PDB file of N, CA and C in Angstrom:
ATOM      1  N   MET A   1      23.344 -91.917  45.901  1.00  0.00           N
ATOM      2  CA  MET A   1      24.349 -91.131  46.588  1.00  0.00           C
ATOM      3  C   MET A   1      24.898 -90.082  45.612  1.00  0.00           C
ATOM      4  N   PRO A   2      24.999 -88.819  46.034  1.00  0.00           N
ATOM      5  CA  PRO A   2      25.485 -87.772  45.142  1.00  0.00           C
ATOM      6  C   PRO A   2      26.963 -87.981  44.794  1.00  0.00           C
ATOM      7  N   ILE A   3      27.310 -87.528  43.586  1.00  0.00           N
ATOM      8  CA  ILE A   3      28.697 -87.609  43.135  1.00  0.00           C
ATOM      9  C   ILE A   3      29.485 -86.498  43.818  1.00  0.00           C
ATOM     10  N   PRO A   4      30.655 -86.808  44.378  1.00  0.00           N
ATOM     11  CA  PRO A   4      31.453 -85.755  45.005  1.00  0.00           C
ATOM     12  C   PRO A   4      31.829 -84.687  43.987  1.00  0.00           C
ATOM     13  N   LYS A   5      31.888 -83.449  44.444  1.00  0.00           N
ATOM     14  CA  LYS A   5      32.201 -82.338  43.553  1.00  0.00           C
ATOM     15  C   LYS A   5      33.559 -82.500  42.892  1.00  0.00           C
ATOM     16  N   VAL A   6      34.501 -83.078  43.597  1.00  0.00           N
ATOM     17  CA  VAL A   6      35.827 -83.268  43.024  1.00  0.00           C
ATOM     18  C   VAL A   6      35.727 -84.135  41.770  1.00  0.00           C
ATOM     19  N   THR A   7      34.941 -85.195  41.824  1.00  0.00           N
ATOM     20  CA  THR A   7      34.762 -86.071  40.669  1.00  0.00           C
ATOM     21  C   THR A   7      34.099 -85.316  39.527  1.00  0.00           C
ATOM     22  N   GLN A   8      33.062 -84.532  39.821  1.00  0.00           N
ATOM     23  CA  GLN A   8      32.395 -83.769  38.776  1.00  0.00           C
ATOM     24  C   GLN A   8      33.372 -82.794  38.128  1.00  0.00           C
ATOM     25  N   THR A   9      34.121 -82.087  38.930  1.00  0.00           N
ATOM     26  CA  THR A   9      35.088 -81.123  38.411  1.00  0.00           C
ATOM     27  C   THR A   9      36.136 -81.823  37.568  1.00  0.00           C
ATOM     28  N   THR A  10      36.616 -82.965  38.036  1.00  0.00           N
ATOM     29  CA  THR A  10      37.615 -83.724  37.297  1.00  0.00           C
ATOM     30  C   THR A  10      37.054 -84.193  35.968  1.00  0.00           C
ATOM     31  N   ASP A  11      35.829 -84.723  35.973  1.00  0.00           N
ATOM     32  CA  ASP A  11      35.200 -85.186  34.738  1.00  0.00           C
ATOM     33  C   ASP A  11      35.003 -84.039  33.753  1.00  0.00           C
ATOM     34  N   ILE A  12      34.548 -82.908  34.237  1.00  0.00           N
ATOM     35  CA  ILE A  12      34.331 -81.746  33.381  1.00  0.00           C
ATOM     36  C   ILE A  12      35.659 -81.262  32.819  1.00  0.00           C
ATOM     37  N   SER A  13      36.666 -81.213  33.668  1.00  0.00           N
ATOM     38  CA  SER A  13      37.990 -80.774  33.238  1.00  0.00           C
ATOM     39  C   SER A  13      38.558 -81.721  32.179  1.00  0.00           C
ATOM     40  N   ARG A  14      38.374 -83.017  32.396  1.00  0.00           N
ATOM     41  CA  ARG A  14      38.868 -84.006  31.436  1.00  0.00           C
ATOM     42  C   ARG A  14      38.130 -83.871  30.109  1.00  0.00           C
ATOM     43  N   ALA A  15      36.815 -83.711  30.169  1.00  0.00           N
ATOM     44  CA  ALA A  15      36.019 -83.574  28.944  1.00  0.00           C
ATOM     45  C   ALA A  15      36.425 -82.309  28.186  1.00  0.00           C
ATOM     46  N   ARG A  16      36.640 -81.224  28.911  1.00  0.00           N
ATOM     47  CA  ARG A  16      37.047 -79.964  28.285  1.00  0.00           C
ATOM     48  C   ARG A  16      38.430 -80.099  27.649  1.00  0.00           C
ATOM     49  N   SER A  17      39.321 -80.796  28.319  1.00  0.00           N
ATOM     50  CA  SER A  17      40.662 -81.023  27.787  1.00  0.00           C
ATOM     51  C   SER A  17      40.607 -81.862  26.512  1.00  0.00           C
ATOM     52  N   GLU A  18      39.760 -82.885  26.504  1.00  0.00           N
ATOM     53  CA  GLU A  18      39.600 -83.729  25.318  1.00  0.00           C
ATOM     54  C   GLU A  18      38.993 -82.931  24.167  1.00  0.00           C
ATOM     55  N   LEU A  19      38.042 -82.076  24.473  1.00  0.00           N
ATOM     56  CA  LEU A  19      37.422 -81.248  23.443  1.00  0.00           C
ATOM     57  C   LEU A  19      38.444 -80.266  22.866  1.00  0.00           C
ATOM     58  N   ARG A  20      39.267 -79.695  23.723  1.00  0.00           N
ATOM     59  CA  ARG A  20      40.326 -78.785  23.277  1.00  0.00           C
ATOM     60  C   ARG A  20      41.291 -79.517  22.341  1.00  0.00           C
ATOM     61  N   ARG A  21      41.634 -80.761  22.709  1.00  0.00           N
ATOM     62  CA  ARG A  21      42.524 -81.569  21.879  1.00  0.00           C
ATOM     63  C   ARG A  21      41.870 -81.850  20.522  1.00  0.00           C
ATOM     64  N   ASP A  22      40.576 -82.176  20.536  1.00  0.00           N
ATOM     65  CA  ASP A  22      39.853 -82.440  19.291  1.00  0.00           C
ATOM     66  C   ASP A  22      39.825 -81.202  18.391  1.00  0.00           C
ATOM     67  N   ILE A  23      39.647 -80.039  18.998  1.00  0.00           N
ATOM     68  CA  ILE A  23      39.661 -78.792  18.226  1.00  0.00           C
ATOM     69  C   ILE A  23      41.016 -78.606  17.551  1.00  0.00           C
ATOM     70  N   ALA A  24      42.080 -78.805  18.313  1.00  0.00           N
ATOM     71  CA  ALA A  24      43.428 -78.642  17.757  1.00  0.00           C
ATOM     72  C   ALA A  24      43.662 -79.607  16.600  1.00  0.00           C
ATOM     73  N   PHE A  25      43.293 -80.873  16.786  1.00  0.00           N
ATOM     74  CA  PHE A  25      43.495 -81.859  15.730  1.00  0.00           C
ATOM     75  C   PHE A  25      42.652 -81.546  14.501  1.00  0.00           C
ATOM     76  N   SER A  26      41.425 -81.054  14.694  1.00  0.00           N
ATOM     77  CA  SER A  26      40.574 -80.733  13.543  1.00  0.00           C
ATOM     78  C   SER A  26      41.169 -79.595  12.711  1.00  0.00           C
ATOM     79  N   LEU A  27      41.976 -78.761  13.356  1.00  0.00           N
ATOM     80  CA  LEU A  27      42.620 -77.649  12.659  1.00  0.00           C
ATOM     81  C   LEU A  27      44.039 -77.980  12.227  1.00  0.00           C
ATOM     82  N   GLY A  28      44.489 -79.192  12.552  1.00  0.00           N
ATOM     83  CA  GLY A  28      45.857 -79.582  12.205  1.00  0.00           C
ATOM     84  C   GLY A  28      46.903 -78.874  13.042  1.00  0.00           C
ATOM     85  N   LEU A  29      46.542 -78.540  14.284  1.00  0.00           N
ATOM     86  CA  LEU A  29      47.456 -77.820  15.176  1.00  0.00           C
ATOM     87  C   LEU A  29      47.871 -78.704  16.344  1.00  0.00           C
ATOM     88  N   ASP A  30      48.984 -78.355  16.940  1.00  0.00           N
ATOM     89  CA  ASP A  30      49.457 -79.039  18.143  1.00  0.00           C
ATOM     90  C   ASP A  30      48.582 -78.599  19.313  1.00  0.00           C
ATOM     91  N   PRO A  31      47.974 -79.539  20.045  1.00  0.00           N
ATOM     92  CA  PRO A  31      47.104 -79.155  21.166  1.00  0.00           C
ATOM     93  C   PRO A  31      47.809 -78.312  22.226  1.00  0.00           C
ATOM     94  N   ASP A  32      49.112 -78.495  22.371  1.00  0.00           N
ATOM     95  CA  ASP A  32      49.860 -77.717  23.360  1.00  0.00           C
ATOM     96  C   ASP A  32      50.173 -76.307  22.875  1.00  0.00           C
ATOM     97  N   LYS A  33      49.973 -76.065  21.576  1.00  0.00           N
ATOM     98  CA  LYS A  33      50.274 -74.748  21.014  1.00  0.00           C
ATOM     99  C   LYS A  33      49.052 -74.128  20.341  1.00  0.00           C
ATOM    100  N   LEU A  34      47.882 -74.512  20.813  1.00  0.00           N
ATOM    101  CA  LEU A  34      46.640 -73.972  20.257  1.00  0.00           C
ATOM    102  C   LEU A  34      46.561 -72.485  20.598  1.00  0.00           C
ATOM    103  N   PRO A  35      46.382 -71.614  19.588  1.00  0.00           N
ATOM    104  CA  PRO A  35      46.315 -70.181  19.883  1.00  0.00           C
ATOM    105  C   PRO A  35      45.066 -69.835  20.686  1.00  0.00           C
ATOM    106  N   ALA A  36      45.124 -68.722  21.387  1.00  0.00           N
ATOM    107  CA  ALA A  36      43.978 -68.280  22.195  1.00  0.00           C
ATOM    108  C   ALA A  36      42.839 -67.809  21.312  1.00  0.00           C
ATOM    109  N   LEU A  37      43.165 -67.253  20.142  1.00  0.00           N
ATOM    110  CA  LEU A  37      42.161 -66.723  19.222  1.00  0.00           C
ATOM    111  C   LEU A  37      42.223 -67.452  17.889  1.00  0.00           C
ATOM    112  N   LEU A  38      41.051 -67.783  17.366  1.00  0.00           N
ATOM    113  CA  LEU A  38      40.944 -68.400  16.048  1.00  0.00           C
ATOM    114  C   LEU A  38      40.231 -67.444  15.114  1.00  0.00           C
ATOM    115  N   ASP A  39      40.587 -67.488  13.836  1.00  0.00           N
ATOM    116  CA  ASP A  39      39.863 -66.640  12.885  1.00  0.00           C
ATOM    117  C   ASP A  39      38.521 -67.297  12.553  1.00  0.00           C
ATOM    118  N   ALA A  40      37.707 -66.590  11.795  1.00  0.00           N
ATOM    119  CA  ALA A  40      36.345 -67.067  11.506  1.00  0.00           C
ATOM    120  C   ALA A  40      36.355 -68.389  10.740  1.00  0.00           C
ATOM    121  N   GLU A  41      37.313 -68.573   9.842  1.00  0.00           N
ATOM    122  CA  GLU A  41      37.386 -69.825   9.092  1.00  0.00           C
ATOM    123  C   GLU A  41      37.699 -70.994  10.016  1.00  0.00           C
ATOM    124  N   GLN A  42      38.652 -70.794  10.928  1.00  0.00           N
ATOM    125  CA  GLN A  42      38.998 -71.855  11.873  1.00  0.00           C
ATOM    126  C   GLN A  42      37.830 -72.163  12.801  1.00  0.00           C
ATOM    127  N   ALA A  43      37.190 -71.128  13.324  1.00  0.00           N
ATOM    128  CA  ALA A  43      36.044 -71.328  14.222  1.00  0.00           C
ATOM    129  C   ALA A  43      34.912 -72.047  13.491  1.00  0.00           C
ATOM    130  N   ALA A  44      34.683 -71.670  12.244  1.00  0.00           N
ATOM    131  CA  ALA A  44      33.628 -72.320  11.456  1.00  0.00           C
ATOM    132  C   ALA A  44      33.948 -73.798  11.261  1.00  0.00           C
ATOM    133  N   LYS A  45      35.212 -74.109  11.017  1.00  0.00           N
ATOM    134  CA  LYS A  45      35.611 -75.504  10.844  1.00  0.00           C
ATOM    135  C   LYS A  45      35.372 -76.294  12.126  1.00  0.00           C
ATOM    136  N   VAL A  46      35.702 -75.696  13.266  1.00  0.00           N
ATOM    137  CA  VAL A  46      35.480 -76.348  14.560  1.00  0.00           C
ATOM    138  C   VAL A  46      33.999 -76.656  14.750  1.00  0.00           C
ATOM    139  N   LEU A  47      33.133 -75.735  14.353  1.00  0.00           N
ATOM    140  CA  LEU A  47      31.691 -75.881  14.545  1.00  0.00           C
ATOM    141  C   LEU A  47      30.999 -76.552  13.359  1.00  0.00           C
ATOM    142  N   ASP A  48      31.781 -76.989  12.371  1.00  0.00           N
ATOM    143  CA  ASP A  48      31.255 -77.650  11.178  1.00  0.00           C
ATOM    144  C   ASP A  48      30.211 -76.780  10.481  1.00  0.00           C
ATOM    145  N   ASN A  49      30.569 -75.515  10.302  1.00  0.00           N
ATOM    146  CA  ASN A  49      29.742 -74.537   9.611  1.00  0.00           C
ATOM    147  C   ASN A  49      30.621 -73.744   8.671  1.00  0.00           C
ATOM    148  N   SER A  50      30.032 -72.780   8.000  1.00  0.00           N
ATOM    149  CA  SER A  50      30.807 -71.904   7.125  1.00  0.00           C
ATOM    150  C   SER A  50      31.052 -70.574   7.835  1.00  0.00           C
ATOM    151  N   PRO A  51      32.085 -69.847   7.419  1.00  0.00           N
ATOM    152  CA  PRO A  51      32.291 -68.508   7.974  1.00  0.00           C
ATOM    153  C   PRO A  51      31.085 -67.598   7.743  1.00  0.00           C
ATOM    154  N   GLN A  52      30.376 -67.809   6.634  1.00  0.00           N
ATOM    155  CA  GLN A  52      29.180 -67.010   6.346  1.00  0.00           C
ATOM    156  C   GLN A  52      28.089 -67.275   7.381  1.00  0.00           C
ATOM    157  N   THR A  53      27.973 -68.525   7.820  1.00  0.00           N
ATOM    158  CA  THR A  53      26.990 -68.847   8.856  1.00  0.00           C
ATOM    159  C   THR A  53      27.326 -68.117  10.147  1.00  0.00           C
ATOM    160  N   LEU A  54      28.604 -68.108  10.511  1.00  0.00           N
ATOM    161  CA  LEU A  54      29.004 -67.390  11.731  1.00  0.00           C
ATOM    162  C   LEU A  54      28.729 -65.899  11.592  1.00  0.00           C
ATOM    163  N   SER A  55      28.916 -65.364  10.390  1.00  0.00           N
ATOM    164  CA  SER A  55      28.615 -63.950  10.143  1.00  0.00           C
ATOM    165  C   SER A  55      27.125 -63.673  10.345  1.00  0.00           C
ATOM    166  N   ILE A  56      26.287 -64.570   9.870  1.00  0.00           N
ATOM    167  CA  ILE A  56      24.829 -64.415  10.050  1.00  0.00           C
ATOM    168  C   ILE A  56      24.491 -64.486  11.538  1.00  0.00           C
ATOM    169  N   TRP A  57      25.093 -65.440  12.256  1.00  0.00           N
ATOM    170  CA  TRP A  57      24.837 -65.551  13.692  1.00  0.00           C
ATOM    171  C   TRP A  57      25.224 -64.262  14.412  1.00  0.00           C
ATOM    172  N   ARG A  58      26.349 -63.654  13.997  1.00  0.00           N
ATOM    173  CA  ARG A  58      26.781 -62.404  14.636  1.00  0.00           C
ATOM    174  C   ARG A  58      25.784 -61.284  14.366  1.00  0.00           C
ATOM    175  N   SER A  59      25.367 -61.163  13.120  1.00  0.00           N
ATOM    176  CA  SER A  59      24.501 -60.028  12.766  1.00  0.00           C
ATOM    177  C   SER A  59      23.084 -60.191  13.301  1.00  0.00           C
ATOM    178  N   THR A  60      22.594 -61.417  13.383  1.00  0.00           N
ATOM    179  CA  THR A  60      21.222 -61.636  13.867  1.00  0.00           C
ATOM    180  C   THR A  60      21.173 -61.939  15.365  1.00  0.00           C
ATOM    181  N   LYS A  61      22.357 -62.158  15.958  1.00  0.00           N
ATOM    182  CA  LYS A  61      22.456 -62.539  17.376  1.00  0.00           C
ATOM    183  C   LYS A  61      21.655 -63.820  17.654  1.00  0.00           C
ATOM    184  N   ARG A  62      21.668 -64.723  16.673  1.00  0.00           N
ATOM    185  CA  ARG A  62      20.908 -65.964  16.797  1.00  0.00           C
ATOM    186  C   ARG A  62      21.413 -66.818  17.952  1.00  0.00           C
ATOM    187  N   TYR A  63      22.726 -66.917  18.081  1.00  0.00           N
ATOM    188  CA  TYR A  63      23.322 -67.696  19.166  1.00  0.00           C
ATOM    189  C   TYR A  63      24.243 -66.799  19.969  1.00  0.00           C
ATOM    190  N   ASN A  64      24.375 -67.112  21.238  1.00  0.00           N
ATOM    191  CA  ASN A  64      25.264 -66.350  22.108  1.00  0.00           C
ATOM    192  C   ASN A  64      26.675 -66.912  21.971  1.00  0.00           C
ATOM    193  N   LEU A  65      27.328 -66.571  20.865  1.00  0.00           N
ATOM    194  CA  LEU A  65      28.703 -66.984  20.613  1.00  0.00           C
ATOM    195  C   LEU A  65      29.563 -65.727  20.584  1.00  0.00           C
ATOM    196  N   PRO A  66      30.252 -65.460  21.698  1.00  0.00           N
ATOM    197  CA  PRO A  66      31.066 -64.247  21.762  1.00  0.00           C
ATOM    198  C   PRO A  66      32.166 -64.241  20.697  1.00  0.00           C
ATOM    199  N   TYR A  67      32.519 -63.054  20.254  1.00  0.00           N
ATOM    200  CA  TYR A  67      33.606 -62.889  19.297  1.00  0.00           C
ATOM    201  C   TYR A  67      34.379 -61.627  19.648  1.00  0.00           C
ATOM    202  N   VAL A  68      35.568 -61.521  19.078  1.00  0.00           N
ATOM    203  CA  VAL A  68      36.450 -60.388  19.328  1.00  0.00           C
ATOM    204  C   VAL A  68      36.659 -59.672  18.005  1.00  0.00           C
ATOM    205  N   LYS A  69      36.456 -58.360  18.003  1.00  0.00           N
ATOM    206  CA  LYS A  69      36.708 -57.560  16.806  1.00  0.00           C
ATOM    207  C   LYS A  69      38.069 -56.886  16.956  1.00  0.00           C
ATOM    208  N   ILE A  70      38.916 -57.110  15.970  1.00  0.00           N
ATOM    209  CA  ILE A  70      40.215 -56.453  15.921  1.00  0.00           C
ATOM    210  C   ILE A  70      40.261 -55.749  14.568  1.00  0.00           C
ATOM    211  N   GLY A  71      39.951 -54.455  14.604  1.00  0.00           N
ATOM    212  CA  GLY A  71      39.791 -53.741  13.348  1.00  0.00           C
ATOM    213  C   GLY A  71      38.588 -54.314  12.616  1.00  0.00           C
ATOM    214  N   ARG A  72      38.802 -54.757  11.383  1.00  0.00           N
ATOM    215  CA  ARG A  72      37.716 -55.378  10.608  1.00  0.00           C
ATOM    216  C   ARG A  72      37.680 -56.890  10.785  1.00  0.00           C
ATOM    217  N   ARG A  73      38.715 -57.419  11.412  1.00  0.00           N
ATOM    218  CA  ARG A  73      38.795 -58.869  11.574  1.00  0.00           C
ATOM    219  C   ARG A  73      37.984 -59.354  12.766  1.00  0.00           C
ATOM    220  N   VAL A  74      37.435 -60.536  12.615  1.00  0.00           N
ATOM    221  CA  VAL A  74      36.666 -61.179  13.682  1.00  0.00           C
ATOM    222  C   VAL A  74      37.444 -62.402  14.143  1.00  0.00           C
ATOM    223  N   LYS A  75      37.603 -62.524  15.439  1.00  0.00           N
ATOM    224  CA  LYS A  75      38.298 -63.671  16.037  1.00  0.00           C
ATOM    225  C   LYS A  75      37.402 -64.293  17.097  1.00  0.00           C
ATOM    226  N   TYR A  76      37.658 -65.552  17.371  1.00  0.00           N
ATOM    227  CA  TYR A  76      36.905 -66.280  18.391  1.00  0.00           C
ATOM    228  C   TYR A  76      37.876 -66.877  19.387  1.00  0.00           C
ATOM    229  N   ARG A  77      37.606 -66.682  20.677  1.00  0.00           N
ATOM    230  CA  ARG A  77      38.424 -67.307  21.715  1.00  0.00           C
ATOM    231  C   ARG A  77      38.119 -68.801  21.731  1.00  0.00           C
ATOM    232  N   VAL A  78      39.162 -69.601  21.873  1.00  0.00           N
ATOM    233  CA  VAL A  78      38.975 -71.045  21.981  1.00  0.00           C
ATOM    234  C   VAL A  78      38.100 -71.349  23.194  1.00  0.00           C
ATOM    235  N   SER A  79      38.314 -70.636  24.279  1.00  0.00           N
ATOM    236  CA  SER A  79      37.512 -70.871  25.490  1.00  0.00           C
ATOM    237  C   SER A  79      36.033 -70.585  25.236  1.00  0.00           C
ATOM    238  N   ASP A  80      35.714 -69.569  24.429  1.00  0.00           N
ATOM    239  CA  ASP A  80      34.316 -69.271  24.101  1.00  0.00           C
ATOM    240  C   ASP A  80      33.709 -70.359  23.215  1.00  0.00           C
ATOM    241  N   LEU A  81      34.507 -70.904  22.307  1.00  0.00           N
ATOM    242  CA  LEU A  81      34.013 -72.011  21.478  1.00  0.00           C
ATOM    243  C   LEU A  81      33.742 -73.235  22.341  1.00  0.00           C
ATOM    244  N   LEU A  82      34.636 -73.514  23.293  1.00  0.00           N
ATOM    245  CA  LEU A  82      34.426 -74.640  24.210  1.00  0.00           C
ATOM    246  C   LEU A  82      33.142 -74.445  25.007  1.00  0.00           C
ATOM    247  N   ASP A  83      32.953 -73.241  25.540  1.00  0.00           N
ATOM    248  CA  ASP A  83      31.734 -72.937  26.309  1.00  0.00           C
ATOM    249  C   ASP A  83      30.487 -73.102  25.443  1.00  0.00           C
ATOM    250  N   PHE A  84      30.547 -72.604  24.213  1.00  0.00           N
ATOM    251  CA  PHE A  84      29.415 -72.681  23.294  1.00  0.00           C
ATOM    252  C   PHE A  84      29.053 -74.143  23.024  1.00  0.00           C
ATOM    253  N   ILE A  85      30.057 -74.965  22.745  1.00  0.00           N
ATOM    254  CA  ILE A  85      29.813 -76.386  22.477  1.00  0.00           C
ATOM    255  C   ILE A  85      29.223 -77.064  23.703  1.00  0.00           C
ATOM    256  N   GLU A  86      29.761 -76.757  24.877  1.00  0.00           N
ATOM    257  CA  GLU A  86      29.250 -77.360  26.110  1.00  0.00           C
ATOM    258  C   GLU A  86      27.800 -76.950  26.373  1.00  0.00           C
ATOM    259  N   ARG A  87      27.461 -75.677  26.131  1.00  0.00           N
ATOM    260  CA  ARG A  87      26.085 -75.217  26.344  1.00  0.00           C
ATOM    261  C   ARG A  87      25.114 -75.872  25.373  1.00  0.00           C
ATOM    262  N   ARG A  88      25.576 -76.226  24.194  1.00  0.00           N
ATOM    263  CA  ARG A  88      24.709 -76.799  23.169  1.00  0.00           C
ATOM    264  C   ARG A  88      24.662 -78.324  23.230  1.00  0.00           C
ATOM    265  N   THR A  89      25.386 -78.916  24.173  1.00  0.00           N
ATOM    266  CA  THR A  89      25.421 -80.374  24.303  1.00  0.00           C
ATOM    267  C   THR A  89      24.253 -80.846  25.142  1.00  0.00           C
ATOM    268  N   HIS A  90      23.496 -81.793  24.607  1.00  0.00           N
ATOM    269  CA  HIS A  90      22.308 -82.311  25.277  1.00  0.00           C
ATOM    270  C   HIS A  90      22.464 -83.810  25.533  1.00  0.00           C
ATOM    271  N   GLY A  91      21.812 -84.294  26.578  1.00  0.00           N
ATOM    272  CA  GLY A  91      21.761 -85.720  26.827  1.00  0.00           C
ATOM    273  C   GLY A  91      22.998 -86.311  27.463  1.00  0.00           C
ATOM    274  N   VAL A  92      23.854 -85.471  28.029  1.00  0.00           N
ATOM    275  CA  VAL A  92      25.058 -85.965  28.690  1.00  0.00           C
ATOM    276  C   VAL A  92      24.789 -86.105  30.168  1.00  0.00           C
ATOM    277  N   THR A  93      25.153 -87.241  30.721  1.00  0.00           N
ATOM    278  CA  THR A  93      24.995 -87.452  32.159  1.00  0.00           C
ATOM    279  C   THR A  93      26.360 -87.685  32.768  1.00  0.00           C
ATOM    280  N   MET A  94      26.506 -87.280  34.001  1.00  0.00           N
ATOM    281  CA  MET A  94      27.742 -87.494  34.751  1.00  0.00           C
ATOM    282  C   MET A  94      27.612 -88.822  35.495  1.00  0.00           C
ATOM    283  N   GLU A  95      28.580 -89.692  35.286  1.00  0.00           N
ATOM    284  CA  GLU A  95      28.555 -90.974  35.985  1.00  0.00           C
ATOM    285  C   GLU A  95      29.681 -91.019  36.994  1.00  0.00           C
ATOM    286  N   GLY A  96      29.426 -91.613  38.156  1.00  0.00           N
ATOM    287  CA  GLY A  96      30.425 -91.657  39.207  1.00  0.00           C
ATOM    288  C   GLY A  96      31.164 -92.908  39.308  1.00  0.00           C
TER     289      GLY A  96
END
Protein backbone atom coordinates (compact mmCIF):
# COMPACT_ATOMS: atom_id res chain seq x y z
CA MET A 1 0.00 0.00 0.00
CA PRO A 2 1.45 3.42 -0.93
CA ILE A 3 2.46 5.82 1.82
CA PRO A 4 0.11 8.82 2.02
CA LYS A 5 1.69 12.03 0.77
CA VAL A 6 1.04 13.73 4.09
CA THR A 7 3.24 11.16 5.84
CA GLN A 8 6.00 11.55 3.25
CA THR A 9 5.89 15.33 3.55
CA THR A 10 5.91 15.11 7.34
CA ASP A 11 8.86 12.70 7.33
CA ILE A 12 10.81 14.87 4.91
CA SER A 13 10.02 17.99 6.90
CA ARG A 14 11.08 16.30 10.14
CA ALA A 15 14.32 15.02 8.59
CA ARG A 16 15.09 18.48 7.18
CA SER A 17 14.39 20.07 10.56
CA GLU A 18 16.72 17.59 12.29
CA LEU A 19 19.43 18.24 9.71
CA ARG A 20 19.05 22.00 10.22
CA ARG A 21 19.40 21.46 13.98
CA ASP A 22 22.53 19.33 13.42
CA ILE A 23 24.04 22.06 11.25
CA ALA A 24 23.42 24.66 13.95
CA PHE A 25 24.93 22.48 16.67
CA SER A 26 27.99 21.66 14.53
CA LEU A 27 28.61 25.40 14.25
CA GLY A 28 27.88 26.08 17.91
CA LEU A 29 24.81 28.15 17.03
CA ASP A 30 21.27 28.23 18.34
CA PRO A 31 19.06 26.32 15.87
CA ASP A 32 16.36 28.97 16.23
CA LYS A 33 18.83 31.71 15.31
CA LEU A 34 20.68 30.02 12.47
CA PRO A 35 21.59 32.71 9.91
CA ALA A 36 20.30 32.40 6.35
CA LEU A 37 23.84 32.70 4.95
CA LEU A 38 27.00 30.96 6.11
CA ASP A 39 30.53 31.91 5.15
CA ALA A 40 32.80 29.44 3.35
CA GLU A 41 34.46 28.27 6.57
CA GLN A 42 31.10 27.51 8.20
CA ALA A 43 29.79 25.76 5.08
CA ALA A 44 32.99 23.72 4.83
CA LYS A 45 32.61 22.66 8.46
CA VAL A 46 29.02 21.57 7.81
CA LEU A 47 30.18 19.47 4.84
CA ASP A 48 33.29 18.18 6.67
CA ASN A 49 35.59 19.71 4.06
CA SER A 50 37.97 22.64 3.85
CA PRO A 51 37.14 26.08 2.46
CA GLN A 52 39.77 25.36 -0.21
CA THR A 53 37.79 22.30 -1.32
CA LEU A 54 34.66 24.42 -1.69
CA SER A 55 36.69 26.93 -3.71
CA ILE A 56 37.82 24.13 -6.05
CA TRP A 57 34.22 22.92 -6.39
CA ARG A 58 33.14 26.46 -7.33
CA SER A 59 35.86 26.96 -9.91
CA THR A 60 35.57 23.51 -11.52
CA LYS A 61 31.77 23.28 -11.10
CA ARG A 62 32.35 19.75 -9.82
CA TYR A 63 29.19 19.77 -7.70
CA ASN A 64 26.00 21.75 -8.07
CA LEU A 65 26.36 23.65 -4.79
CA PRO A 66 24.92 27.13 -5.23
CA TYR A 67 26.69 30.05 -3.58
CA VAL A 68 26.15 33.78 -3.19
CA LYS A 69 28.81 36.33 -4.09
CA ILE A 70 28.78 39.53 -2.06
CA GLY A 71 31.67 41.56 -3.35
CA ARG A 72 34.68 39.25 -2.94
CA ARG A 73 33.02 37.21 -0.22
CA VAL A 74 31.35 33.88 -0.86
CA LYS A 75 28.34 32.82 1.20
CA TYR A 76 26.19 29.71 1.20
CA ARG A 77 22.47 29.59 1.95
CA VAL A 78 21.61 27.10 4.67
CA SER A 79 18.72 25.93 2.48
CA ASP A 80 21.15 25.21 -0.39
CA LEU A 81 23.40 23.20 1.94
CA LEU A 82 20.36 21.21 3.11
CA ASP A 83 19.35 20.55 -0.50
CA PHE A 84 22.91 19.54 -1.41
CA ILE A 85 23.12 17.08 1.50
CA GLU A 86 19.72 15.62 0.65
CA ARG A 87 20.66 15.16 -3.03
CA ARG A 88 23.88 13.39 -2.04
CA THR A 89 22.17 11.04 0.42
CA HIS A 90 21.90 7.46 -0.81
CA GLY A 91 20.17 4.38 0.54
CA VAL A 92 17.43 6.14 2.47
CA THR A 93 13.97 4.64 2.36
CA MET A 94 10.71 6.12 3.55
CA GLU A 95 8.88 3.90 6.00
CA GLY A 96 5.20 4.27 6.81
